[in-house]
Structures are given as structure tokens and as C-alpha cells.
């Protein structure tokens, strides 16, 4: 009877966190039976995001020119101030637009109230004129004033409603 078994060999990994070794990794590759060395691949990636480079990068820039790190920091500060100012202006513009829209809504409401008051006054005057004409025995004039005025007011209301939509 024969049986086969597979063994997984794990590498010995040791992380060095000393400042002088810059975070290097020491790896002892696993050794399989019969003295064979298994293949091992290690990759390391550093990602930095932001307006100011990492401290290591600033040191490299300083090796090129002593003033470069200071200029980079000043640029980042100016960019931040500019961003804050742009955000403030955008908020002010948005607030101004909201206030303008609110004022326009208020004006429209006032205009509708004024239009209703004027329409009521005109209806009362037309009906009064029609009643007066009927009282002085002018039925044709009374019906023209009353009917024509009423049709004109209804047409105005209907057209005004369509234009608002």
C-alpha cells in the first residue's frame, strides 16, 4: 500500500521596522525535501496621496535643492487657501441663487393676489354696470357688458394659467 501526501512549506518572513533599514523585509525561502528551493516572489508597494510628498520624497527633493521642500509646502498651503476660497464663493453663489429663487416665488405670489383682487373689482364693476343698464331698460347693453366682460375675465384666467405652466 502506498500513500502520497503533500506538504506545504511556508517561508520564514521577518519584518524589520528599524528606521535605518527603511522597512526592509528579510525572507528565508522554504526548502522542500531533497534540498530544492521553492520559488518565492515578494513585492512591496508604497502609495501616497496628497498635496505634499512623503517625508522621504521631501528629503530627496532637498538633495536636489535646499529650498524645494519649502517651496512645495508653500505651494500646497496656497492651493489649500485657494480651494477654501473657491468653496466659500460657491456657497455664497448657491445661497444667493436660493434667495433669488425665494424672492421670485414671493413676487409671483404677490402678483397672483393682486390679479385676483383686480379681477374681483372688474367683475363687480361689470356686474354693477350690467344691473344698472338693465334698471334703465337697456337689456341688450346689459347683456353685452355682463356677458362680454365675463367671457374676457374667464379667457384671461385660462390663458394666465396656461402661461404659468
N, C-alpha and C. Protein backbone atom coordinates (compact mmCIF):
# COMPACT_ATOMS: atom_id res chain seq x y z
N UNK A 1 0.83 -1.18 0.00
CA UNK A 1 0.00 0.00 0.00
C UNK A 1 0.87 1.24 0.00
N UNK A 2 0.57 2.12 -0.89
CA UNK A 2 1.36 3.36 -0.90
C UNK A 2 0.42 4.54 -0.75
N UNK A 3 0.90 5.52 -0.05
CA UNK A 3 0.12 6.75 0.11
C UNK A 3 1.02 7.93 -0.15
N UNK A 4 0.46 8.89 -0.78
CA UNK A 4 1.23 10.10 -1.05
C UNK A 4 0.61 11.25 -0.26
N UNK A 5 1.44 12.06 0.24
CA UNK A 5 0.95 13.24 0.96
C UNK A 5 1.76 14.44 0.53
N UNK A 6 1.09 15.56 0.44
CA UNK A 6 1.77 16.80 0.06
C UNK A 6 1.94 17.66 1.29
N UNK A 7 3.08 18.25 1.40
CA UNK A 7 3.31 19.19 2.49
C UNK A 7 3.54 20.57 1.89
N UNK A 8 2.97 21.56 2.53
CA UNK A 8 3.18 22.94 2.10
C UNK A 8 4.27 23.52 2.98
N UNK A 9 5.24 24.09 2.34
CA UNK A 9 6.35 24.70 3.06
C UNK A 9 6.17 26.21 3.04
N UNK A 10 6.14 26.82 4.21
CA UNK A 10 5.95 28.26 4.31
C UNK A 10 7.30 28.93 4.53
N UNK A 11 7.49 30.08 3.89
CA UNK A 11 8.76 30.79 4.09
C UNK A 11 8.81 31.44 5.47
N UNK A 12 9.97 31.64 5.94
CA UNK A 12 10.18 32.37 7.18
C UNK A 12 10.30 33.85 6.80
N UNK A 13 9.35 34.65 7.24
CA UNK A 13 9.35 36.07 6.89
C UNK A 13 9.55 36.88 8.15
N UNK A 14 10.43 37.85 8.07
CA UNK A 14 10.71 38.69 9.21
C UNK A 14 10.70 40.15 8.75
N UNK A 15 9.90 40.98 9.42
CA UNK A 15 9.79 42.39 9.05
C UNK A 15 10.69 43.20 9.97
N UNK A 16 11.54 43.98 9.37
CA UNK A 16 12.42 44.85 10.16
C UNK A 16 11.84 46.26 10.14
N UNK A 17 11.58 46.79 11.29
CA UNK A 17 10.97 48.13 11.37
C UNK A 17 11.95 49.16 11.94
N UNK A 18 13.20 48.93 11.77
CA UNK A 18 14.19 49.89 12.27
C UNK A 18 14.28 51.06 11.29
N UNK A 19 14.41 52.30 11.81
CA UNK A 19 14.46 53.46 10.92
C UNK A 19 15.61 53.42 9.93
N UNK A 20 16.74 52.85 10.34
CA UNK A 20 17.89 52.88 9.45
C UNK A 20 17.79 51.89 8.29
N UNK A 21 16.93 50.87 8.42
CA UNK A 21 16.84 49.89 7.33
C UNK A 21 15.67 50.16 6.40
N UNK A 22 14.95 51.27 6.64
CA UNK A 22 13.90 51.73 5.72
C UNK A 22 12.80 50.69 5.50
N UNK A 23 12.46 49.92 6.55
CA UNK A 23 11.36 48.97 6.47
C UNK A 23 11.63 47.79 5.54
N UNK A 24 12.83 47.26 5.53
CA UNK A 24 13.13 46.14 4.64
C UNK A 24 12.52 44.86 5.18
N UNK A 25 12.40 43.90 4.31
CA UNK A 25 11.84 42.60 4.68
C UNK A 25 12.89 41.54 4.42
N UNK A 26 13.14 40.73 5.43
CA UNK A 26 14.08 39.62 5.26
C UNK A 26 13.27 38.35 5.05
N UNK A 27 13.61 37.60 4.04
CA UNK A 27 12.87 36.39 3.73
C UNK A 27 13.85 35.23 3.61
N UNK A 28 13.53 34.16 4.30
CA UNK A 28 14.28 32.92 4.14
C UNK A 28 13.40 31.99 3.32
N UNK A 29 13.80 31.64 2.11
CA UNK A 29 12.94 30.82 1.27
C UNK A 29 12.77 29.43 1.87
N UNK A 30 11.61 28.84 1.66
CA UNK A 30 11.38 27.49 2.18
C UNK A 30 12.22 26.47 1.42
N UNK A 31 12.60 25.48 2.12
CA UNK A 31 13.38 24.41 1.48
C UNK A 31 12.52 23.16 1.49
N UNK A 32 12.32 22.64 0.32
CA UNK A 32 11.50 21.44 0.16
C UNK A 32 12.37 20.22 0.41
N UNK A 33 11.74 19.07 0.47
CA UNK A 33 12.54 17.84 0.60
C UNK A 33 13.52 17.72 -0.57
N UNK A 34 14.53 17.02 -0.39
CA UNK A 34 15.58 16.78 -1.39
C UNK A 34 16.39 18.03 -1.67
N UNK A 35 16.32 19.05 -0.80
CA UNK A 35 17.17 20.22 -0.92
C UNK A 35 16.79 21.21 -2.00
N UNK A 36 15.60 21.08 -2.56
CA UNK A 36 15.20 22.01 -3.61
C UNK A 36 14.65 23.30 -2.98
N UNK A 37 14.98 24.42 -3.59
CA UNK A 37 14.46 25.71 -3.11
C UNK A 37 13.23 26.05 -3.93
N UNK A 38 12.16 26.41 -3.24
CA UNK A 38 10.93 26.79 -3.94
C UNK A 38 11.01 28.26 -4.35
N UNK A 39 10.30 28.56 -5.42
CA UNK A 39 10.28 29.94 -5.91
C UNK A 39 9.43 30.80 -4.98
N UNK A 40 9.88 32.01 -4.75
CA UNK A 40 9.17 32.92 -3.87
C UNK A 40 9.23 34.32 -4.47
N UNK A 41 8.10 34.97 -4.53
CA UNK A 41 8.05 36.33 -5.09
C UNK A 41 7.43 37.26 -4.05
N UNK A 42 8.10 38.35 -3.81
CA UNK A 42 7.60 39.34 -2.86
C UNK A 42 7.62 40.69 -3.56
N UNK A 43 6.53 41.41 -3.37
CA UNK A 43 6.51 42.77 -3.93
C UNK A 43 6.05 43.72 -2.83
N UNK A 44 6.52 44.92 -2.92
CA UNK A 44 6.17 45.93 -1.93
C UNK A 44 5.80 47.20 -2.68
N UNK A 45 4.68 47.77 -2.28
CA UNK A 45 4.20 48.97 -2.96
C UNK A 45 3.91 50.04 -1.91
N UNK A 46 4.38 51.23 -2.18
CA UNK A 46 4.07 52.38 -1.33
C UNK A 46 3.18 53.31 -2.13
N UNK A 47 2.09 53.72 -1.50
CA UNK A 47 1.16 54.64 -2.16
C UNK A 47 1.03 55.88 -1.29
N UNK A 48 1.16 57.01 -1.92
CA UNK A 48 0.99 58.27 -1.19
C UNK A 48 0.07 59.16 -1.99
N UNK A 49 -0.85 59.79 -1.30
CA UNK A 49 -1.78 60.69 -1.97
C UNK A 49 -1.88 61.95 -1.13
N UNK A 50 -1.80 63.07 -1.77
CA UNK A 50 -1.93 64.32 -1.04
C UNK A 50 -1.14 65.42 -1.71
N UNK A 51 -1.31 66.63 -1.24
CA UNK A 51 -0.64 67.76 -1.87
C UNK A 51 0.85 67.83 -1.54
N UNK A 52 1.26 67.21 -0.43
CA UNK A 52 2.67 67.26 -0.03
C UNK A 52 3.25 65.86 -0.16
N UNK A 53 4.41 65.73 -0.78
CA UNK A 53 5.03 64.41 -0.91
C UNK A 53 5.38 63.85 0.47
N UNK A 54 5.68 62.57 0.50
CA UNK A 54 6.07 61.93 1.76
C UNK A 54 7.40 62.54 2.24
N UNK A 55 7.71 62.27 3.50
CA UNK A 55 8.94 62.82 4.08
C UNK A 55 10.17 62.33 3.32
N UNK A 56 10.17 61.06 2.93
CA UNK A 56 11.31 60.52 2.16
C UNK A 56 11.48 61.27 0.84
N UNK A 57 10.37 61.55 0.18
CA UNK A 57 10.44 62.28 -1.09
C UNK A 57 10.93 63.70 -0.87
N UNK A 58 10.48 64.33 0.22
CA UNK A 58 10.95 65.69 0.51
C UNK A 58 12.46 65.72 0.74
N UNK A 59 12.97 64.68 1.41
CA UNK A 59 14.42 64.61 1.62
C UNK A 59 15.14 64.48 0.29
N UNK A 60 14.60 63.67 -0.62
CA UNK A 60 15.20 63.52 -1.94
C UNK A 60 15.17 64.85 -2.70
N UNK A 61 14.05 65.58 -2.59
CA UNK A 61 13.97 66.91 -3.22
C UNK A 61 14.99 67.86 -2.59
N UNK A 62 15.18 67.75 -1.29
CA UNK A 62 16.12 68.63 -0.61
C UNK A 62 17.55 68.36 -1.08
N UNK A 63 17.84 67.12 -1.47
CA UNK A 63 19.16 66.80 -2.00
C UNK A 63 19.40 67.50 -3.33
N UNK A 64 18.33 67.77 -4.07
CA UNK A 64 18.45 68.48 -5.35
C UNK A 64 18.67 69.96 -5.09
N UNK A 65 17.80 70.54 -4.24
CA UNK A 65 17.91 71.96 -3.91
C UNK A 65 17.32 72.15 -2.51
N UNK A 66 18.00 72.87 -1.66
CA UNK A 66 17.61 73.02 -0.27
C UNK A 66 16.24 73.70 -0.14
N UNK A 67 15.88 74.59 -1.05
CA UNK A 67 14.63 75.35 -0.96
C UNK A 67 13.41 74.60 -1.51
N UNK A 68 13.61 73.53 -2.24
CA UNK A 68 12.49 72.84 -2.89
C UNK A 68 11.44 72.36 -1.89
N UNK A 69 11.78 71.71 -0.77
CA UNK A 69 10.71 71.29 0.17
C UNK A 69 9.88 72.46 0.69
N UNK A 70 10.55 73.57 1.01
CA UNK A 70 9.80 74.75 1.48
C UNK A 70 8.88 75.28 0.40
N UNK A 71 9.36 75.32 -0.82
CA UNK A 71 8.52 75.81 -1.93
C UNK A 71 7.33 74.87 -2.16
N UNK A 72 7.54 73.58 -2.03
CA UNK A 72 6.44 72.61 -2.19
C UNK A 72 5.40 72.82 -1.11
N UNK A 73 5.83 73.00 0.14
CA UNK A 73 4.89 73.22 1.24
C UNK A 73 4.14 74.53 1.06
N UNK A 74 4.83 75.58 0.63
CA UNK A 74 4.17 76.87 0.38
C UNK A 74 3.14 76.73 -0.74
N UNK A 75 3.50 75.99 -1.80
CA UNK A 75 2.54 75.76 -2.89
C UNK A 75 1.30 75.02 -2.38
N UNK A 76 1.51 74.01 -1.55
CA UNK A 76 0.38 73.25 -1.02
C UNK A 76 -0.50 74.13 -0.14
N UNK A 77 0.11 74.99 0.67
CA UNK A 77 -0.67 75.90 1.51
C UNK A 77 -1.48 76.87 0.67
N UNK A 78 -0.86 77.43 -0.38
CA UNK A 78 -1.58 78.35 -1.26
C UNK A 78 -2.73 77.64 -1.97
N UNK A 79 -2.49 76.41 -2.40
CA UNK A 79 -3.54 75.63 -3.06
C UNK A 79 -4.71 75.38 -2.11
N UNK A 80 -4.39 75.08 -0.86
CA UNK A 80 -5.44 74.85 0.13
C UNK A 80 -6.24 76.12 0.38
N UNK A 81 -5.56 77.25 0.51
CA UNK A 81 -6.27 78.53 0.69
C UNK A 81 -7.16 78.82 -0.51
N UNK A 82 -6.64 78.55 -1.71
CA UNK A 82 -7.42 78.79 -2.93
C UNK A 82 -8.65 77.88 -2.96
N UNK A 83 -8.47 76.62 -2.56
CA UNK A 83 -9.60 75.68 -2.54
C UNK A 83 -10.66 76.15 -1.55
N UNK A 84 -10.22 76.59 -0.37
CA UNK A 84 -11.18 77.08 0.63
C UNK A 84 -11.91 78.32 0.12
N UNK A 85 -11.21 79.21 -0.54
CA UNK A 85 -11.84 80.42 -1.08
C UNK A 85 -12.86 80.06 -2.17
N UNK A 86 -12.50 79.12 -3.04
CA UNK A 86 -13.43 78.69 -4.09
C UNK A 86 -14.68 78.04 -3.47
N UNK A 87 -14.49 77.23 -2.44
CA UNK A 87 -15.63 76.62 -1.77
C UNK A 87 -16.53 77.69 -1.14
N UNK A 88 -15.92 78.70 -0.53
CA UNK A 88 -16.69 79.78 0.08
C UNK A 88 -17.49 80.54 -0.97
N UNK A 89 -16.86 80.84 -2.10
CA UNK A 89 -17.55 81.56 -3.18
C UNK A 89 -18.69 80.72 -3.73
N UNK A 90 -18.47 79.42 -3.90
CA UNK A 90 -19.54 78.53 -4.39
C UNK A 90 -20.72 78.52 -3.43
N UNK A 91 -20.44 78.47 -2.13
CA UNK A 91 -21.54 78.50 -1.14
C UNK A 91 -22.30 79.82 -1.21
N UNK A 92 -21.56 80.93 -1.36
CA UNK A 92 -22.22 82.24 -1.44
C UNK A 92 -23.09 82.34 -2.69
N UNK A 93 -22.59 81.83 -3.81
CA UNK A 93 -23.37 81.87 -5.05
C UNK A 93 -24.61 81.00 -4.91
N UNK A 94 -24.47 79.83 -4.33
CA UNK A 94 -25.62 78.94 -4.15
C UNK A 94 -26.65 79.60 -3.23
N UNK A 95 -26.20 80.22 -2.15
CA UNK A 95 -27.11 80.91 -1.24
C UNK A 95 -27.81 82.07 -1.94
N UNK A 96 -27.06 82.81 -2.75
CA UNK A 96 -27.64 83.91 -3.50
C UNK A 96 -28.70 83.42 -4.47
N UNK A 97 -28.43 82.30 -5.14
CA UNK A 97 -29.41 81.73 -6.06
C UNK A 97 -30.68 81.29 -5.34
N UNK A 98 -30.51 80.71 -4.15
CA UNK A 98 -31.67 80.28 -3.38
C UNK A 98 -32.49 81.50 -2.95
N UNK A 99 -31.80 82.55 -2.49
CA UNK A 99 -32.51 83.77 -2.09
C UNK A 99 -33.24 84.39 -3.27
N UNK A 100 -32.58 84.40 -4.43
CA UNK A 100 -33.21 84.96 -5.63
C UNK A 100 -34.45 84.16 -6.02
N UNK A 101 -34.35 82.84 -5.95
CA UNK A 101 -35.49 81.98 -6.29
C UNK A 101 -36.62 82.19 -5.29
N UNK A 102 -36.28 82.30 -3.99
CA UNK A 102 -37.30 82.56 -2.98
C UNK A 102 -37.99 83.89 -3.23
N UNK A 103 -37.22 84.91 -3.58
CA UNK A 103 -37.79 86.23 -3.85
C UNK A 103 -38.70 86.18 -5.08
N UNK A 104 -38.30 85.42 -6.10
CA UNK A 104 -39.13 85.29 -7.30
C UNK A 104 -40.45 84.60 -6.97
N UNK A 105 -40.40 83.58 -6.11
CA UNK A 105 -41.62 82.90 -5.69
C UNK A 105 -42.53 83.87 -4.94
N UNK A 106 -41.95 84.69 -4.08
CA UNK A 106 -42.72 85.67 -3.32
C UNK A 106 -43.36 86.71 -4.26
N UNK A 107 -42.61 87.15 -5.25
CA UNK A 107 -43.15 88.12 -6.23
C UNK A 107 -44.30 87.49 -7.01
N UNK A 108 -44.13 86.25 -7.44
CA UNK A 108 -45.21 85.57 -8.17
C UNK A 108 -46.46 85.44 -7.31
N UNK A 109 -46.27 85.13 -6.03
CA UNK A 109 -47.42 85.01 -5.12
C UNK A 109 -48.13 86.36 -4.98
N UNK A 110 -47.35 87.42 -4.80
CA UNK A 110 -47.93 88.77 -4.68
C UNK A 110 -48.68 89.15 -5.97
N UNK A 111 -48.10 88.82 -7.10
CA UNK A 111 -48.77 89.14 -8.39
C UNK A 111 -50.08 88.37 -8.54
N UNK A 112 -50.10 87.12 -8.11
CA UNK A 112 -51.36 86.36 -8.20
C UNK A 112 -52.43 86.96 -7.29
N UNK A 113 -52.04 87.38 -6.10
CA UNK A 113 -53.01 88.01 -5.19
C UNK A 113 -53.54 89.31 -5.80
N UNK A 114 -52.64 90.12 -6.35
CA UNK A 114 -53.05 91.38 -6.99
C UNK A 114 -53.98 91.12 -8.18
N UNK A 115 -53.67 90.09 -8.96
CA UNK A 115 -54.52 89.75 -10.11
C UNK A 115 -55.91 89.32 -9.65
N UNK A 116 -55.98 88.56 -8.55
CA UNK A 116 -57.30 88.14 -8.04
C UNK A 116 -58.11 89.35 -7.55
N UNK A 117 -57.44 90.29 -6.89
CA UNK A 117 -58.14 91.48 -6.40
C UNK A 117 -58.66 92.31 -7.58
N UNK A 118 -57.79 92.50 -8.58
CA UNK A 118 -58.21 93.27 -9.77
C UNK A 118 -59.36 92.58 -10.49
N UNK A 119 -59.29 91.27 -10.63
CA UNK A 119 -60.37 90.54 -11.31
C UNK A 119 -61.67 90.68 -10.54
N UNK A 120 -61.61 90.63 -9.22
CA UNK A 120 -62.81 90.79 -8.40
C UNK A 120 -63.41 92.18 -8.58
N UNK A 121 -62.56 93.20 -8.59
CA UNK A 121 -63.06 94.58 -8.78
C UNK A 121 -63.69 94.72 -10.16
N UNK A 122 -63.04 94.19 -11.18
CA UNK A 122 -63.59 94.30 -12.55
C UNK A 122 -64.92 93.56 -12.64
N UNK A 123 -65.04 92.40 -12.06
CA UNK A 123 -66.30 91.64 -12.09
C UNK A 123 -67.42 92.43 -11.40
N UNK A 124 -67.09 93.01 -10.24
CA UNK A 124 -68.09 93.80 -9.53
C UNK A 124 -68.52 95.00 -10.37
N UNK A 125 -67.57 95.68 -11.01
CA UNK A 125 -67.91 96.83 -11.85
C UNK A 125 -68.74 96.42 -13.07
N UNK A 126 -68.36 95.32 -13.69
CA UNK A 126 -69.12 94.85 -14.86
C UNK A 126 -70.55 94.45 -14.47
N UNK A 127 -70.66 93.71 -13.37
CA UNK A 127 -72.00 93.31 -12.93
C UNK A 127 -72.83 94.53 -12.52
N UNK A 128 -72.19 95.49 -11.87
CA UNK A 128 -72.90 96.72 -11.49
C UNK A 128 -73.37 97.46 -12.73
N UNK A 129 -72.50 97.53 -13.73
CA UNK A 129 -72.88 98.22 -14.98
C UNK A 129 -74.01 97.48 -15.67
N UNK A 130 -73.93 96.15 -15.68
CA UNK A 130 -74.99 95.36 -16.32
C UNK A 130 -76.32 95.54 -15.58
N UNK A 131 -76.28 95.54 -14.26
CA UNK A 131 -77.51 95.74 -13.48
C UNK A 131 -78.06 97.14 -13.71
N UNK A 132 -77.18 98.13 -13.75
CA UNK A 132 -77.64 99.49 -13.99
C UNK A 132 -78.28 99.62 -15.36
N UNK A 133 -77.65 99.00 -16.39
CA UNK A 133 -78.23 99.05 -17.73
C UNK A 133 -79.60 98.35 -17.77
N UNK A 134 -79.71 97.27 -17.06
CA UNK A 134 -81.00 96.57 -17.00
C UNK A 134 -82.04 97.43 -16.27
N UNK A 135 -81.62 98.16 -15.26
CA UNK A 135 -82.51 99.01 -14.48
C UNK A 135 -83.06 100.16 -15.32
N UNK A 136 -82.20 100.70 -16.23
CA UNK A 136 -82.66 101.81 -17.07
C UNK A 136 -83.27 101.31 -18.38
N UNK A 137 -83.66 100.07 -18.42
CA UNK A 137 -84.35 99.46 -19.54
C UNK A 137 -83.47 99.36 -20.80
N UNK A 138 -82.25 98.93 -20.62
CA UNK A 138 -81.33 98.68 -21.74
C UNK A 138 -80.85 97.22 -21.66
N UNK A 139 -81.71 96.25 -21.94
CA UNK A 139 -81.33 94.84 -21.75
C UNK A 139 -80.22 94.38 -22.69
N UNK A 140 -80.21 94.89 -23.91
CA UNK A 140 -79.16 94.48 -24.85
C UNK A 140 -77.79 94.96 -24.36
N UNK A 141 -77.70 96.18 -23.95
CA UNK A 141 -76.44 96.73 -23.43
C UNK A 141 -76.03 95.99 -22.16
N UNK A 142 -76.99 95.70 -21.29
CA UNK A 142 -76.68 94.98 -20.05
C UNK A 142 -76.12 93.59 -20.35
N UNK A 143 -76.70 92.88 -21.30
CA UNK A 143 -76.22 91.53 -21.62
C UNK A 143 -74.85 91.58 -22.30
N UNK A 144 -74.60 92.58 -23.14
CA UNK A 144 -73.28 92.70 -23.80
C UNK A 144 -72.21 93.01 -22.76
N UNK A 145 -72.48 93.96 -21.88
CA UNK A 145 -71.49 94.32 -20.85
C UNK A 145 -71.24 93.13 -19.92
N UNK A 146 -72.29 92.53 -19.41
CA UNK A 146 -72.15 91.41 -18.47
C UNK A 146 -71.53 90.19 -19.11
N UNK A 147 -72.06 89.76 -20.25
CA UNK A 147 -71.56 88.54 -20.91
C UNK A 147 -70.17 88.72 -21.48
N UNK A 148 -69.93 89.86 -22.15
CA UNK A 148 -68.60 90.11 -22.75
C UNK A 148 -67.53 90.25 -21.69
N UNK A 149 -67.87 90.97 -20.62
CA UNK A 149 -66.89 91.14 -19.53
C UNK A 149 -66.57 89.82 -18.86
N UNK A 150 -67.61 89.02 -18.63
CA UNK A 150 -67.40 87.72 -18.01
C UNK A 150 -66.55 86.80 -18.90
N UNK A 151 -66.81 86.80 -20.20
CA UNK A 151 -66.00 85.98 -21.14
C UNK A 151 -64.55 86.45 -21.17
N UNK A 152 -64.34 87.78 -21.12
CA UNK A 152 -62.97 88.32 -21.14
C UNK A 152 -62.21 87.90 -19.88
N UNK A 153 -62.86 87.95 -18.73
CA UNK A 153 -62.20 87.57 -17.48
C UNK A 153 -61.87 86.08 -17.48
N UNK A 154 -62.81 85.24 -17.94
CA UNK A 154 -62.57 83.80 -17.99
C UNK A 154 -61.41 83.48 -18.94
N UNK A 155 -61.38 84.14 -20.10
CA UNK A 155 -60.29 83.92 -21.06
C UNK A 155 -58.95 84.34 -20.46
N UNK A 156 -58.94 85.45 -19.74
CA UNK A 156 -57.69 85.92 -19.12
C UNK A 156 -57.19 84.92 -18.07
N UNK A 157 -58.10 84.40 -17.27
CA UNK A 157 -57.71 83.42 -16.25
C UNK A 157 -57.16 82.14 -16.89
N UNK A 158 -57.85 81.66 -17.93
CA UNK A 158 -57.42 80.43 -18.60
C UNK A 158 -56.05 80.62 -19.26
N UNK A 159 -55.86 81.75 -19.99
CA UNK A 159 -54.57 82.00 -20.65
C UNK A 159 -53.46 82.22 -19.62
N UNK A 160 -53.77 82.90 -18.52
CA UNK A 160 -52.77 83.11 -17.47
C UNK A 160 -52.33 81.81 -16.84
N UNK A 161 -53.26 80.87 -16.64
CA UNK A 161 -52.92 79.57 -16.08
C UNK A 161 -52.03 78.77 -17.03
N UNK A 162 -52.35 78.81 -18.33
CA UNK A 162 -51.53 78.08 -19.32
C UNK A 162 -50.11 78.66 -19.40
N UNK A 163 -49.98 79.98 -19.35
CA UNK A 163 -48.66 80.61 -19.44
C UNK A 163 -47.79 80.31 -18.22
N UNK A 164 -48.37 80.15 -17.05
CA UNK A 164 -47.61 79.83 -15.84
C UNK A 164 -47.06 78.43 -15.89
N UNK A 165 -47.77 77.52 -16.53
CA UNK A 165 -47.32 76.13 -16.61
C UNK A 165 -46.24 76.03 -17.65
